Amino acid sequence: FSIMTDAPVAGPSWREQAVARSLDSARTRAENRVQRFLDAALELMDAGSTKDFTVQEVVERSGQSLRSFYQYFGGKHELLLALFEESIRTTAEHLREVTDGVDDPSERLHRFVIEYYLVCRPPAKGKGARKGGAAPPPVLVEFAQQLLTAHPTEAAGAFVPLVSLLEEILDSAAEAGAVRDDLDRRRAAGVLLESVMFNPFSATISGTSLQAPATAAEELWDLLFHGLS
């Protein structure tokens, strides 16, 4: 008889390892440079509450070069888009943390809506950061409105993390019989997110903008939930 053994598998060559290390190092440097540009833009937004800063101001505050900026961004629009995408991703992670420990599907949906309302609500003057530290600055809310109108494909791509999480929550709620099972869950997710995100406009129109945030959030939830159920 004969004993069959597997042939030894060669590991990566020194050349492949050297190239991999070089690529990893270059990737890390690029990520750090991009983050410095993003941080600089956020600092300018926080300082002036406006998106009317210039690329040159971002470059100067980041301590990097204009040439370096254009290696990573095609211009100011791409910078704002990157900031908005990062804000959406951070918000989705925060909402997942808040809702993951909730077993009841209906209550999980409730928790999502209430928390997203509080995240999106602009902080009162002098009150500091928004709840959870996940909300976009007012500048990015304004940018979101423009993005939805003028660049719908980019907007849809940016909102994927939030839409996916809410679809998942709606699926569980539908399986449990808490909401209608004949809904297009993706469209329903869009309606819910829009209603919560732009609720300050509704509050202004109705003259209820001074209402306590917790009360306003619960009233909005009651309206949305009974519309679904």
Protein backbone atom coordinates (compact mmCIF):
# COMPACT_ATOMS: atom_id res chain seq x y z
CA PHE A 1 0.00 0.00 0.00
CA SER A 2 1.02 3.60 -0.30
CA ILE A 3 0.55 6.57 1.98
CA MET A 4 -0.69 9.68 0.20
CA THR A 5 0.37 12.97 1.69
CA ASP A 6 -0.57 16.45 0.69
CA ALA A 7 2.15 18.36 -1.06
CA PRO A 8 3.47 21.23 1.02
CA VAL A 9 1.83 24.53 0.23
CA ALA A 10 4.25 27.32 -0.39
CA GLY A 11 3.68 30.49 1.59
CA PRO A 12 3.84 33.94 0.07
CA SER A 13 7.23 34.83 -1.34
CA TRP A 14 9.35 37.58 0.16
CA ARG A 15 8.42 39.74 -2.82
CA GLU A 16 4.69 39.22 -2.22
CA GLN A 17 5.11 39.93 1.49
CA ALA A 18 7.09 43.10 0.77
CA VAL A 19 4.47 44.34 -1.68
CA ALA A 20 1.66 43.53 0.78
CA ARG A 21 3.41 45.45 3.55
CA SER A 22 3.97 48.36 1.21
CA LEU A 23 0.30 48.41 0.17
CA ASP A 24 -0.89 48.17 3.78
CA SER A 25 1.37 51.03 4.76
CA ALA A 26 0.20 53.16 1.82
CA ARG A 27 -3.45 52.39 2.64
CA THR A 28 -2.96 53.43 6.26
CA ARG A 29 -1.29 56.69 5.24
CA ALA A 30 -4.10 57.42 2.77
CA GLU A 31 -6.78 56.74 5.38
CA ASN A 32 -5.03 59.04 7.85
CA ARG A 33 -4.76 61.83 5.29
CA VAL A 34 -8.40 61.51 4.28
CA GLN A 35 -9.47 61.58 7.93
CA ARG A 36 -7.48 64.77 8.51
CA PHE A 37 -9.34 66.44 5.65
CA LEU A 38 -12.70 65.24 7.02
CA ASP A 39 -11.85 66.40 10.55
CA ALA A 40 -10.76 69.80 9.23
CA ALA A 41 -14.05 70.24 7.34
CA LEU A 42 -16.09 69.28 10.41
CA GLU A 43 -14.15 71.77 12.52
CA LEU A 44 -14.92 74.51 10.01
CA MET A 45 -18.62 73.55 10.03
CA ASP A 46 -18.74 73.59 13.82
CA ALA A 47 -16.98 76.95 13.91
CA GLY A 48 -19.20 78.67 11.37
CA SER A 49 -22.37 76.55 11.01
CA THR A 50 -22.06 76.97 7.26
CA LYS A 51 -20.88 74.97 4.30
CA ASP A 52 -19.45 78.11 2.66
CA PHE A 53 -15.90 77.17 3.63
CA THR A 54 -13.42 76.76 0.80
CA VAL A 55 -11.26 73.82 -0.16
CA GLN A 56 -8.23 76.00 0.60
CA GLU A 57 -9.48 76.54 4.17
CA VAL A 58 -9.86 72.78 4.61
CA VAL A 59 -6.35 72.21 3.26
CA GLU A 60 -4.84 74.83 5.55
CA ARG A 61 -6.63 73.55 8.64
CA SER A 62 -5.63 69.97 7.89
CA GLY A 63 -1.98 70.95 7.52
CA GLN A 64 -1.75 69.17 4.17
CA SER A 65 -1.35 70.24 0.57
CA LEU A 66 -3.88 71.15 -2.10
CA ARG A 67 -2.33 68.51 -4.34
CA SER A 68 -2.93 65.92 -1.64
CA PHE A 69 -6.57 66.98 -1.32
CA TYR A 70 -7.24 66.42 -5.02
CA GLN A 71 -5.63 62.97 -4.82
CA TYR A 72 -8.60 61.88 -2.70
CA PHE A 73 -11.47 64.21 -3.59
CA GLY A 74 -12.69 65.56 -6.91
CA GLY A 75 -13.81 68.73 -5.16
CA LYS A 76 -15.92 70.11 -2.34
CA HIS A 77 -19.02 68.09 -3.30
CA GLU A 78 -17.14 64.81 -2.89
CA LEU A 79 -15.79 65.99 0.47
CA LEU A 80 -19.31 66.79 1.71
CA LEU A 81 -20.57 63.47 0.34
CA ALA A 82 -17.84 61.61 2.23
CA LEU A 83 -18.77 63.45 5.42
CA PHE A 84 -22.46 62.69 4.91
CA GLU A 85 -21.82 58.99 4.23
CA GLU A 86 -19.69 58.78 7.37
CA SER A 87 -22.42 60.47 9.39
CA ILE A 88 -25.06 58.02 8.11
CA ARG A 89 -22.81 55.03 8.85
CA THR A 90 -22.12 56.27 12.38
CA THR A 91 -25.83 56.88 12.98
CA ALA A 92 -26.72 53.38 11.76
CA GLU A 93 -24.14 51.83 14.08
CA HIS A 94 -25.51 53.84 17.00
CA LEU A 95 -29.09 52.79 16.24
CA ARG A 96 -28.09 49.14 15.93
CA GLU A 97 -26.45 49.29 19.35
CA VAL A 98 -29.59 50.86 20.81
CA THR A 99 -32.02 48.36 19.23
CA ASP A 100 -30.05 45.09 19.25
CA GLY A 101 -30.82 44.34 22.89
CA VAL A 102 -34.59 44.69 22.39
CA ASP A 103 -36.31 41.33 21.92
CA ASP A 104 -39.86 42.47 21.16
CA PRO A 105 -40.04 43.38 17.42
CA SER A 106 -42.64 46.10 17.96
CA GLU A 107 -40.64 47.71 20.75
CA ARG A 108 -37.47 47.46 18.67
CA LEU A 109 -39.16 49.46 15.89
CA HIS A 110 -40.44 51.91 18.50
CA ARG A 111 -36.94 52.32 19.94
CA PHE A 112 -35.50 52.93 16.47
CA VAL A 113 -37.99 55.70 15.65
CA ILE A 114 -37.65 57.46 19.02
CA GLU A 115 -33.87 57.32 19.05
CA TYR A 116 -33.55 58.45 15.42
CA TYR A 117 -35.87 61.36 16.20
CA LEU A 118 -33.65 62.44 19.10
CA VAL A 119 -30.52 62.00 16.99
CA CYS A 120 -31.90 64.14 14.14
CA ARG A 121 -33.28 66.90 16.32
CA PRO A 122 -31.01 69.99 16.35
CA PRO A 123 -29.63 70.63 19.85
CA ALA A 124 -30.93 73.62 21.76
CA LYS A 125 -28.54 76.54 21.76
CA GLY A 126 -25.83 76.04 24.34
CA LYS A 127 -26.82 72.42 24.96
CA GLY A 128 -23.83 70.85 23.19
CA ALA A 129 -23.74 67.73 21.06
CA ARG A 130 -26.79 65.76 20.04
CA LYS A 131 -27.89 62.62 21.80
CA GLY A 132 -25.58 59.72 21.05
CA GLY A 133 -23.09 61.98 19.30
CA ALA A 134 -24.28 60.55 15.99
CA ALA A 135 -26.24 63.37 14.39
CA PRO A 136 -24.96 65.23 11.32
CA PRO A 137 -24.25 68.94 11.73
CA PRO A 138 -26.97 71.27 10.37
CA VAL A 139 -24.76 71.84 7.34
CA LEU A 140 -24.98 68.16 6.42
CA VAL A 141 -28.77 68.14 6.92
CA GLU A 142 -28.95 70.97 4.39
CA PHE A 143 -26.59 69.04 2.12
CA ALA A 144 -28.82 65.97 2.45
CA GLN A 145 -31.81 67.95 1.17
CA GLN A 146 -29.82 69.10 -1.85
CA LEU A 147 -28.45 65.61 -2.41
CA LEU A 148 -31.92 64.06 -2.41
CA THR A 149 -33.11 66.60 -4.97
CA ALA A 150 -30.13 66.95 -7.31
CA HIS A 151 -28.20 63.68 -6.84
CA PRO A 152 -30.73 60.94 -5.97
CA THR A 153 -28.40 58.06 -6.89
CA GLU A 154 -25.68 59.32 -4.57
CA ALA A 155 -28.28 59.94 -1.85
CA ALA A 156 -29.63 56.39 -2.14
CA GLY A 157 -26.11 55.00 -1.84
CA ALA A 158 -25.37 57.10 1.24
CA PHE A 159 -28.55 55.99 3.04
CA VAL A 160 -27.99 52.24 2.52
CA PRO A 161 -26.79 51.51 6.10
CA LEU A 162 -29.87 53.14 7.65
CA VAL A 163 -32.35 51.71 5.14
CA SER A 164 -30.90 48.19 5.54
CA LEU A 165 -31.15 48.32 9.33
CA LEU A 166 -34.72 49.62 9.26
CA GLU A 167 -35.75 47.02 6.66
CA GLU A 168 -34.38 44.33 8.96
CA ILE A 169 -36.40 45.72 11.89
CA LEU A 170 -39.56 46.00 9.77
CA ASP A 171 -39.13 42.40 8.56
CA SER A 172 -39.04 41.17 12.16
CA ALA A 173 -42.04 43.31 13.07
CA ALA A 174 -44.02 41.97 10.09
CA GLU A 175 -43.16 38.35 10.97
CA ALA A 176 -44.42 39.00 14.50
CA GLY A 177 -47.65 40.53 13.17
CA ALA A 178 -46.85 43.94 14.64
CA VAL A 179 -47.07 45.70 11.27
CA ARG A 180 -48.76 44.90 7.98
CA ASP A 181 -47.02 42.20 5.97
CA ASP A 182 -48.19 43.53 2.60
CA LEU A 183 -45.95 46.60 2.72
CA ASP A 184 -43.00 47.19 0.44
CA ARG A 185 -40.52 47.26 3.31
CA ARG A 186 -37.91 49.33 1.48
CA ARG A 187 -40.44 52.00 0.54
CA ALA A 188 -41.83 51.95 4.08
CA ALA A 189 -38.31 52.40 5.44
CA GLY A 190 -37.86 55.44 3.19
CA VAL A 191 -41.13 56.99 4.37
CA LEU A 192 -40.26 56.41 8.03
CA LEU A 193 -36.75 57.83 7.71
CA GLU A 194 -37.98 60.86 5.78
CA SER A 195 -40.77 61.52 8.30
CA VAL A 196 -38.37 61.43 11.24
CA MET A 197 -35.41 63.16 9.60
CA PHE A 198 -37.37 66.15 8.31
CA ASN A 199 -39.89 66.36 11.17
CA PRO A 200 -38.58 69.80 12.26
CA PHE A 201 -40.28 71.20 9.13
CA SER A 202 -43.59 69.65 10.24
CA ALA A 203 -43.12 71.07 13.72
CA THR A 204 -42.48 74.53 12.27
CA ILE A 205 -45.50 74.38 9.95
CA SER A 206 -47.82 73.19 12.74
CA GLY A 207 -46.44 75.63 15.31
CA THR A 208 -45.37 72.84 17.68
CA SER A 209 -41.62 73.37 17.39
CA LEU A 210 -41.32 74.22 21.11
CA GLN A 211 -42.83 70.92 22.18
CA ALA A 212 -40.68 68.75 24.50
CA PRO A 213 -38.54 66.40 22.36
CA ALA A 214 -39.63 63.22 24.15
CA THR A 215 -43.32 64.11 23.79
CA ALA A 216 -42.91 65.08 20.15
CA ALA A 217 -41.03 61.85 19.42
CA GLU A 218 -43.75 59.71 21.00
CA GLU A 219 -46.52 61.55 19.13
CA LEU A 220 -44.70 61.05 15.84
CA TRP A 221 -44.22 57.36 16.67
CA ASP A 222 -47.92 56.98 17.48
CA LEU A 223 -48.86 58.51 14.12
CA LEU A 224 -46.38 56.41 12.14
CA PHE A 225 -47.04 53.15 13.94
CA HIS A 226 -50.80 53.24 13.68
CA GLY A 227 -50.43 54.17 10.03
CA LEU A 228 -48.47 50.92 9.60
CA SER A 229 -50.58 48.68 11.80
